[in-house]
Amino acid sequence: MTVLPDTGYTPTPGELASIEAWFAAYDAHSAKREVERMADLAVFPLNLVSDDSAGNGASAQWDRQQFIETMGQVMGDGRDDITFESTRTPVFLSPAMAVVFTDSTMTMTMDGQTQQLRYADILIRRDGTWAFQTMLQGGWGDNLR
């Protein structure tokens, strides 16, 4: 992970490691299309911010069921394994809040197709455990209506 220059709150090595571990778990569930396990790592209602095909900003709040239904449709039936190679830049606002910017390459291992992703997540820490509360990524807006 890349760490920004010393401005604002500076995370400890343990805090950085805890964010890395959270994303490792989330990515493992994503690769296996374990949508309900992915939902276990969120705080609901979950905020989503995106843009739509007309170029307008869009936002929504999903409950757990909406997340599971939509992500299940988006991620498909699981006939092809998915791998992720990601570079993440966490920006800690406090010991309990972080905005994490991600540049990722998603590869469908069966056919070798790749897709470049850039997104951000807002994570909060509650009772020592991280959870994502807001997802920001372009191109999802048409699914947010």
N, C-alpha and C. Protein backbone atom coordinates (compact mmCIF):
# COMPACT_ATOMS: atom_id res chain seq x y z
N MET A 1 0.83 -1.18 0.00
CA MET A 1 0.00 0.00 0.00
C MET A 1 0.87 1.24 0.00
N THR A 2 0.36 2.27 -0.60
CA THR A 2 1.02 3.56 -0.61
C THR A 2 0.45 4.39 0.53
N VAL A 3 1.29 5.10 1.22
CA VAL A 3 0.84 5.97 2.31
C VAL A 3 1.16 7.40 1.91
N LEU A 4 0.17 8.27 2.09
CA LEU A 4 0.35 9.68 1.73
C LEU A 4 1.28 10.37 2.73
N PRO A 5 1.81 11.55 2.35
CA PRO A 5 2.69 12.29 3.25
C PRO A 5 1.99 12.60 4.58
N ASP A 6 2.79 12.92 5.57
CA ASP A 6 2.25 13.20 6.91
C ASP A 6 1.39 14.45 6.90
N THR A 7 0.10 14.26 6.79
CA THR A 7 -0.87 15.34 6.94
C THR A 7 -2.05 14.74 7.68
N GLY A 8 -2.56 15.45 8.64
CA GLY A 8 -3.68 14.91 9.39
C GLY A 8 -3.26 13.73 10.25
N TYR A 9 -4.10 12.72 10.33
CA TYR A 9 -3.84 11.57 11.17
C TYR A 9 -2.86 10.62 10.48
N THR A 10 -1.87 10.17 11.22
CA THR A 10 -0.90 9.20 10.70
C THR A 10 -1.19 7.84 11.32
N PRO A 11 -1.53 6.85 10.47
CA PRO A 11 -1.86 5.53 11.01
C PRO A 11 -0.62 4.81 11.52
N THR A 12 -0.86 3.92 12.46
CA THR A 12 0.22 3.08 12.97
C THR A 12 0.43 1.92 11.99
N PRO A 13 1.56 1.26 12.08
CA PRO A 13 1.75 0.06 11.24
C PRO A 13 0.65 -0.98 11.45
N GLY A 14 0.18 -1.11 12.69
CA GLY A 14 -0.90 -2.05 12.97
C GLY A 14 -2.21 -1.66 12.31
N GLU A 15 -2.50 -0.36 12.27
CA GLU A 15 -3.72 0.10 11.60
C GLU A 15 -3.63 -0.14 10.10
N LEU A 16 -2.45 0.12 9.51
CA LEU A 16 -2.28 -0.18 8.08
C LEU A 16 -2.45 -1.68 7.82
N ALA A 17 -1.87 -2.49 8.67
CA ALA A 17 -1.98 -3.95 8.50
C ALA A 17 -3.43 -4.40 8.63
N SER A 18 -4.19 -3.77 9.51
CA SER A 18 -5.59 -4.18 9.68
C SER A 18 -6.42 -3.85 8.45
N ILE A 19 -6.13 -2.73 7.79
CA ILE A 19 -6.83 -2.40 6.54
C ILE A 19 -6.43 -3.40 5.45
N GLU A 20 -5.15 -3.71 5.36
CA GLU A 20 -4.69 -4.69 4.36
C GLU A 20 -5.36 -6.04 4.58
N ALA A 21 -5.48 -6.46 5.82
CA ALA A 21 -6.12 -7.75 6.13
C ALA A 21 -7.60 -7.71 5.77
N TRP A 22 -8.26 -6.60 6.04
CA TRP A 22 -9.67 -6.47 5.69
C TRP A 22 -9.85 -6.64 4.18
N PHE A 23 -9.03 -5.93 3.39
CA PHE A 23 -9.16 -6.03 1.93
C PHE A 23 -8.79 -7.41 1.42
N ALA A 24 -7.83 -8.07 2.03
CA ALA A 24 -7.48 -9.44 1.62
C ALA A 24 -8.69 -10.35 1.81
N ALA A 25 -9.39 -10.21 2.91
CA ALA A 25 -10.59 -11.02 3.15
C ALA A 25 -11.68 -10.68 2.15
N TYR A 26 -11.90 -9.38 1.93
CA TYR A 26 -12.96 -8.96 0.99
C TYR A 26 -12.64 -9.46 -0.42
N ASP A 27 -11.40 -9.31 -0.86
CA ASP A 27 -11.02 -9.78 -2.19
C ASP A 27 -11.18 -11.29 -2.32
N ALA A 28 -10.84 -12.03 -1.27
CA ALA A 28 -11.00 -13.49 -1.32
C ALA A 28 -12.47 -13.86 -1.48
N HIS A 29 -13.36 -13.18 -0.75
CA HIS A 29 -14.79 -13.45 -0.90
C HIS A 29 -15.28 -13.05 -2.29
N SER A 30 -14.78 -11.93 -2.80
CA SER A 30 -15.17 -11.48 -4.14
C SER A 30 -14.74 -12.48 -5.20
N ALA A 31 -13.52 -12.98 -5.09
CA ALA A 31 -13.00 -13.92 -6.08
C ALA A 31 -13.84 -15.19 -6.12
N LYS A 32 -14.39 -15.57 -4.97
CA LYS A 32 -15.22 -16.78 -4.90
C LYS A 32 -16.70 -16.48 -5.09
N ARG A 33 -17.01 -15.19 -5.31
CA ARG A 33 -18.40 -14.74 -5.46
C ARG A 33 -19.25 -15.07 -4.23
N GLU A 34 -18.64 -14.95 -3.08
CA GLU A 34 -19.33 -15.18 -1.81
C GLU A 34 -20.00 -13.87 -1.37
N VAL A 35 -21.09 -13.55 -2.05
CA VAL A 35 -21.72 -12.24 -1.88
C VAL A 35 -22.23 -12.03 -0.45
N GLU A 36 -22.78 -13.05 0.17
CA GLU A 36 -23.25 -12.87 1.55
C GLU A 36 -22.09 -12.62 2.51
N ARG A 37 -20.96 -13.26 2.27
CA ARG A 37 -19.77 -13.00 3.11
C ARG A 37 -19.25 -11.59 2.87
N MET A 38 -19.34 -11.11 1.60
CA MET A 38 -18.97 -9.73 1.31
C MET A 38 -19.86 -8.79 2.10
N ALA A 39 -21.16 -9.09 2.14
CA ALA A 39 -22.12 -8.26 2.87
C ALA A 39 -21.81 -8.24 4.36
N ASP A 40 -21.26 -9.33 4.88
CA ASP A 40 -20.90 -9.38 6.30
C ASP A 40 -19.85 -8.33 6.65
N LEU A 41 -19.13 -7.82 5.66
CA LEU A 41 -18.05 -6.86 5.89
C LEU A 41 -18.51 -5.41 5.69
N ALA A 42 -19.83 -5.20 5.61
CA ALA A 42 -20.37 -3.87 5.36
C ALA A 42 -21.21 -3.39 6.54
N VAL A 43 -21.49 -2.09 6.53
CA VAL A 43 -22.42 -1.46 7.45
C VAL A 43 -23.62 -1.02 6.61
N PHE A 44 -24.80 -1.42 7.01
CA PHE A 44 -26.01 -1.07 6.27
C PHE A 44 -26.85 -0.10 7.09
N PRO A 45 -27.50 0.88 6.41
CA PRO A 45 -27.54 1.01 4.97
C PRO A 45 -26.18 1.43 4.42
N LEU A 46 -25.86 0.88 3.27
CA LEU A 46 -24.59 1.13 2.59
C LEU A 46 -24.81 2.28 1.60
N ASN A 47 -23.93 3.27 1.64
CA ASN A 47 -24.00 4.38 0.69
C ASN A 47 -23.25 4.01 -0.58
N LEU A 48 -23.83 4.35 -1.73
CA LEU A 48 -23.18 4.14 -3.02
C LEU A 48 -23.19 5.45 -3.77
N VAL A 49 -22.05 5.79 -4.37
CA VAL A 49 -21.91 7.01 -5.15
C VAL A 49 -21.28 6.62 -6.47
N SER A 50 -21.88 7.08 -7.58
CA SER A 50 -21.40 6.69 -8.90
C SER A 50 -21.82 7.73 -9.93
N ASP A 51 -21.75 7.33 -11.19
CA ASP A 51 -22.29 8.12 -12.28
C ASP A 51 -23.05 7.15 -13.20
N ASP A 52 -23.95 7.72 -14.01
CA ASP A 52 -24.74 6.86 -14.88
C ASP A 52 -24.31 7.00 -16.33
N SER A 53 -24.96 6.27 -17.22
CA SER A 53 -24.58 6.26 -18.63
C SER A 53 -24.82 7.60 -19.32
N ALA A 54 -25.64 8.48 -18.72
CA ALA A 54 -25.88 9.81 -19.27
C ALA A 54 -24.86 10.81 -18.75
N GLY A 55 -23.95 10.38 -17.87
CA GLY A 55 -22.93 11.26 -17.34
C GLY A 55 -23.35 12.04 -16.11
N ASN A 56 -24.44 11.64 -15.48
CA ASN A 56 -24.90 12.31 -14.28
C ASN A 56 -24.45 11.56 -13.03
N GLY A 57 -24.19 12.32 -11.98
CA GLY A 57 -23.88 11.69 -10.70
C GLY A 57 -25.10 10.99 -10.15
N ALA A 58 -24.87 9.94 -9.42
CA ALA A 58 -25.97 9.16 -8.84
C ALA A 58 -25.55 8.66 -7.47
N SER A 59 -26.53 8.51 -6.59
CA SER A 59 -26.24 7.94 -5.27
C SER A 59 -27.47 7.18 -4.80
N ALA A 60 -27.22 6.28 -3.88
CA ALA A 60 -28.31 5.47 -3.32
C ALA A 60 -27.85 4.90 -1.99
N GLN A 61 -28.79 4.38 -1.27
CA GLN A 61 -28.50 3.60 -0.08
C GLN A 61 -29.13 2.24 -0.27
N TRP A 62 -28.32 1.21 -0.03
CA TRP A 62 -28.81 -0.17 -0.15
C TRP A 62 -28.88 -0.80 1.22
N ASP A 63 -29.90 -1.63 1.41
CA ASP A 63 -29.91 -2.50 2.57
C ASP A 63 -29.15 -3.77 2.21
N ARG A 64 -29.01 -4.65 3.15
CA ARG A 64 -28.24 -5.88 2.92
C ARG A 64 -28.81 -6.69 1.76
N GLN A 65 -30.13 -6.83 1.71
CA GLN A 65 -30.75 -7.64 0.65
C GLN A 65 -30.49 -7.06 -0.73
N GLN A 66 -30.59 -5.72 -0.86
CA GLN A 66 -30.31 -5.08 -2.16
C GLN A 66 -28.86 -5.31 -2.58
N PHE A 67 -27.94 -5.20 -1.63
CA PHE A 67 -26.53 -5.45 -1.92
C PHE A 67 -26.35 -6.89 -2.43
N ILE A 68 -26.91 -7.85 -1.72
CA ILE A 68 -26.75 -9.25 -2.10
C ILE A 68 -27.35 -9.52 -3.48
N GLU A 69 -28.55 -9.01 -3.73
CA GLU A 69 -29.20 -9.23 -5.03
C GLU A 69 -28.40 -8.59 -6.16
N THR A 70 -28.02 -7.33 -6.00
CA THR A 70 -27.33 -6.61 -7.08
C THR A 70 -25.94 -7.18 -7.32
N MET A 71 -25.18 -7.38 -6.25
CA MET A 71 -23.83 -7.91 -6.44
C MET A 71 -23.87 -9.33 -6.99
N GLY A 72 -24.86 -10.11 -6.60
CA GLY A 72 -25.01 -11.45 -7.15
C GLY A 72 -25.23 -11.41 -8.65
N GLN A 73 -26.04 -10.47 -9.12
CA GLN A 73 -26.28 -10.32 -10.57
C GLN A 73 -25.03 -9.82 -11.28
N VAL A 74 -24.37 -8.84 -10.71
CA VAL A 74 -23.20 -8.24 -11.33
C VAL A 74 -22.04 -9.24 -11.42
N MET A 75 -21.86 -10.04 -10.38
CA MET A 75 -20.71 -10.93 -10.32
C MET A 75 -20.92 -12.24 -11.08
N GLY A 76 -22.15 -12.54 -11.45
CA GLY A 76 -22.39 -13.72 -12.27
C GLY A 76 -22.45 -15.01 -11.49
N ASP A 77 -22.42 -16.09 -12.25
CA ASP A 77 -22.70 -17.41 -11.68
C ASP A 77 -21.49 -18.16 -11.15
N GLY A 78 -20.31 -17.62 -11.30
CA GLY A 78 -19.14 -18.25 -10.71
C GLY A 78 -18.51 -19.35 -11.53
N ARG A 79 -18.82 -19.44 -12.82
CA ARG A 79 -18.21 -20.49 -13.63
C ARG A 79 -16.76 -20.18 -13.96
N ASP A 80 -16.33 -18.97 -13.74
CA ASP A 80 -14.96 -18.57 -14.03
C ASP A 80 -14.35 -17.95 -12.78
N ASP A 81 -13.14 -18.37 -12.45
CA ASP A 81 -12.46 -17.78 -11.30
C ASP A 81 -12.05 -16.35 -11.62
N ILE A 82 -12.02 -15.53 -10.60
CA ILE A 82 -11.61 -14.14 -10.73
C ILE A 82 -10.40 -13.93 -9.83
N THR A 83 -9.40 -13.20 -10.35
CA THR A 83 -8.29 -12.78 -9.51
C THR A 83 -8.21 -11.26 -9.56
N PHE A 84 -7.67 -10.69 -8.49
CA PHE A 84 -7.51 -9.25 -8.39
C PHE A 84 -6.06 -8.94 -8.06
N GLU A 85 -5.51 -7.95 -8.75
CA GLU A 85 -4.22 -7.36 -8.39
C GLU A 85 -4.51 -5.90 -8.12
N SER A 86 -4.30 -5.49 -6.89
CA SER A 86 -4.73 -4.15 -6.48
C SER A 86 -3.62 -3.38 -5.79
N THR A 87 -3.62 -2.08 -6.04
CA THR A 87 -2.77 -1.14 -5.32
C THR A 87 -3.72 -0.22 -4.58
N ARG A 88 -3.55 -0.16 -3.28
CA ARG A 88 -4.46 0.63 -2.45
C ARG A 88 -3.71 1.75 -1.75
N THR A 89 -4.38 2.89 -1.64
CA THR A 89 -3.84 4.04 -0.94
C THR A 89 -4.85 4.45 0.14
N PRO A 90 -4.58 4.07 1.37
CA PRO A 90 -5.49 4.46 2.45
C PRO A 90 -5.18 5.87 2.95
N VAL A 91 -6.22 6.62 3.18
CA VAL A 91 -6.10 7.94 3.79
C VAL A 91 -6.90 7.87 5.08
N PHE A 92 -6.19 7.83 6.20
CA PHE A 92 -6.84 7.74 7.49
C PHE A 92 -7.26 9.13 7.94
N LEU A 93 -8.52 9.27 8.28
CA LEU A 93 -9.01 10.53 8.81
C LEU A 93 -8.94 10.53 10.33
N SER A 94 -8.93 9.34 10.89
CA SER A 94 -8.80 9.13 12.33
C SER A 94 -8.49 7.64 12.51
N PRO A 95 -8.28 7.18 13.73
CA PRO A 95 -8.05 5.74 13.91
C PRO A 95 -9.26 4.89 13.51
N ALA A 96 -10.45 5.51 13.40
CA ALA A 96 -11.67 4.75 13.12
C ALA A 96 -12.28 5.05 11.76
N MET A 97 -11.64 5.89 10.94
CA MET A 97 -12.19 6.24 9.62
C MET A 97 -11.06 6.30 8.60
N ALA A 98 -11.31 5.67 7.45
CA ALA A 98 -10.33 5.71 6.37
C ALA A 98 -11.04 5.73 5.02
N VAL A 99 -10.49 6.50 4.11
CA VAL A 99 -10.91 6.47 2.71
C VAL A 99 -9.80 5.73 1.98
N VAL A 100 -10.15 4.67 1.27
CA VAL A 100 -9.15 3.85 0.61
C VAL A 100 -9.38 3.90 -0.89
N PHE A 101 -8.38 4.42 -1.61
CA PHE A 101 -8.42 4.50 -3.07
C PHE A 101 -7.76 3.25 -3.62
N THR A 102 -8.40 2.64 -4.62
CA THR A 102 -7.91 1.38 -5.17
C THR A 102 -7.80 1.47 -6.69
N ASP A 103 -6.66 1.04 -7.22
CA ASP A 103 -6.48 0.77 -8.64
C ASP A 103 -6.28 -0.73 -8.74
N SER A 104 -7.14 -1.39 -9.54
CA SER A 104 -7.15 -2.84 -9.55
C SER A 104 -7.28 -3.38 -10.97
N THR A 105 -6.68 -4.54 -11.17
CA THR A 105 -6.89 -5.29 -12.40
C THR A 105 -7.62 -6.57 -12.02
N MET A 106 -8.80 -6.75 -12.59
CA MET A 106 -9.59 -7.95 -12.37
C MET A 106 -9.41 -8.84 -13.59
N THR A 107 -9.04 -10.10 -13.37
CA THR A 107 -8.82 -11.04 -14.46
C THR A 107 -9.75 -12.23 -14.31
N MET A 108 -10.43 -12.56 -15.39
CA MET A 108 -11.24 -13.77 -15.46
C MET A 108 -10.28 -14.87 -15.92
N THR A 109 -9.96 -15.79 -15.03
CA THR A 109 -8.87 -16.73 -15.30
C THR A 109 -9.16 -17.71 -16.43
N MET A 110 -10.43 -18.03 -16.68
CA MET A 110 -10.74 -19.00 -17.73
C MET A 110 -10.37 -18.48 -19.11
N ASP A 111 -10.71 -17.21 -19.38
CA ASP A 111 -10.45 -16.67 -20.72
C ASP A 111 -9.40 -15.57 -20.74
N GLY A 112 -8.86 -15.21 -19.59
CA GLY A 112 -7.80 -14.22 -19.52
C GLY A 112 -8.26 -12.78 -19.71
N GLN A 113 -9.56 -12.53 -19.79
CA GLN A 113 -10.05 -11.17 -19.95
C GLN A 113 -9.72 -10.36 -18.70
N THR A 114 -9.29 -9.12 -18.90
CA THR A 114 -8.98 -8.25 -17.77
C THR A 114 -9.82 -6.99 -17.84
N GLN A 115 -10.02 -6.41 -16.69
CA GLN A 115 -10.73 -5.14 -16.59
C GLN A 115 -10.01 -4.28 -15.57
N GLN A 116 -9.77 -3.03 -15.91
CA GLN A 116 -9.14 -2.08 -15.00
C GLN A 116 -10.22 -1.40 -14.18
N LEU A 117 -10.00 -1.34 -12.87
CA LEU A 117 -10.97 -0.72 -11.97
C LEU A 117 -10.29 0.36 -11.14
N ARG A 118 -10.99 1.42 -10.90
CA ARG A 118 -10.55 2.45 -9.95
C ARG A 118 -11.77 2.79 -9.10
N TYR A 119 -11.59 2.71 -7.80
CA TYR A 119 -12.71 2.99 -6.91
C TYR A 119 -12.19 3.42 -5.55
N ALA A 120 -13.09 3.85 -4.73
CA ALA A 120 -12.75 4.23 -3.36
C ALA A 120 -13.81 3.67 -2.42
N ASP A 121 -13.38 3.35 -1.23
CA ASP A 121 -14.28 2.87 -0.18
C ASP A 121 -14.04 3.70 1.06
N ILE A 122 -15.11 3.97 1.77
CA ILE A 122 -14.98 4.58 3.09
C ILE A 122 -15.22 3.47 4.10
N LEU A 123 -14.22 3.23 4.94
CA LEU A 123 -14.30 2.21 5.97
C LEU A 123 -14.37 2.87 7.33
N ILE A 124 -15.13 2.24 8.21
CA ILE A 124 -15.18 2.68 9.60
C ILE A 124 -14.83 1.49 10.49
N ARG A 125 -14.25 1.82 11.62
CA ARG A 125 -13.84 0.77 12.56
C ARG A 125 -14.78 0.83 13.76
N ARG A 126 -15.40 -0.33 14.05
CA ARG A 126 -16.31 -0.43 15.19
C ARG A 126 -15.92 -1.65 16.00
N ASP A 127 -15.72 -1.45 17.29
CA ASP A 127 -15.34 -2.55 18.17
C ASP A 127 -14.13 -3.32 17.63
N GLY A 128 -13.17 -2.57 17.07
CA GLY A 128 -11.93 -3.16 16.60
C GLY A 128 -11.99 -3.81 15.23
N THR A 129 -13.14 -3.72 14.54
CA THR A 129 -13.30 -4.39 13.25
C THR A 129 -13.67 -3.37 12.18
N TRP A 130 -13.00 -3.45 11.04
CA TRP A 130 -13.30 -2.57 9.91
C TRP A 130 -14.54 -3.07 9.17
N ALA A 131 -15.28 -2.13 8.58
CA ALA A 131 -16.42 -2.44 7.71
C ALA A 131 -16.53 -1.30 6.71
N PHE A 132 -16.96 -1.63 5.49
CA PHE A 132 -17.12 -0.55 4.53
C PHE A 132 -18.54 -0.01 4.64
N GLN A 133 -18.64 1.33 4.52
CA GLN A 133 -19.91 2.01 4.69
C GLN A 133 -20.29 2.75 3.43
N THR A 134 -19.32 3.09 2.60
CA THR A 134 -19.60 3.81 1.36
C THR A 134 -18.72 3.25 0.26
N MET A 135 -19.33 3.01 -0.89
CA MET A 135 -18.60 2.57 -2.09
C MET A 135 -18.71 3.68 -3.13
N LEU A 136 -17.57 4.05 -3.73
CA LEU A 136 -17.55 5.06 -4.79
C LEU A 136 -16.87 4.47 -6.01
N GLN A 137 -17.61 4.37 -7.13
CA GLN A 137 -17.03 3.85 -8.36
C GLN A 137 -17.87 4.32 -9.53
N GLY A 138 -17.20 4.73 -10.59
CA GLY A 138 -17.91 5.15 -11.79
C GLY A 138 -18.59 3.97 -12.47
N GLY A 139 -19.69 4.29 -13.19
CA GLY A 139 -20.35 3.31 -14.04
C GLY A 139 -21.47 2.50 -13.42
N TRP A 140 -21.75 2.71 -12.15
CA TRP A 140 -22.81 1.93 -11.49
C TRP A 140 -24.15 2.67 -11.44
N GLY A 141 -24.17 3.92 -11.84
CA GLY A 141 -25.35 4.77 -11.63
C GLY A 141 -26.64 4.24 -12.17
N ASP A 142 -26.61 3.54 -13.30
CA ASP A 142 -27.85 3.00 -13.85
C ASP A 142 -28.44 1.90 -12.97
N ASN A 143 -27.62 1.30 -12.11
CA ASN A 143 -28.10 0.27 -11.17
C ASN A 143 -28.61 0.86 -9.86
N LEU A 144 -28.48 2.17 -9.70
CA LEU A 144 -28.82 2.79 -8.42
C LEU A 144 -30.22 3.38 -8.39
N ARG A 145 -30.97 3.23 -9.43
CA ARG A 145 -32.31 3.84 -9.48
C ARG A 145 -33.32 3.00 -8.81
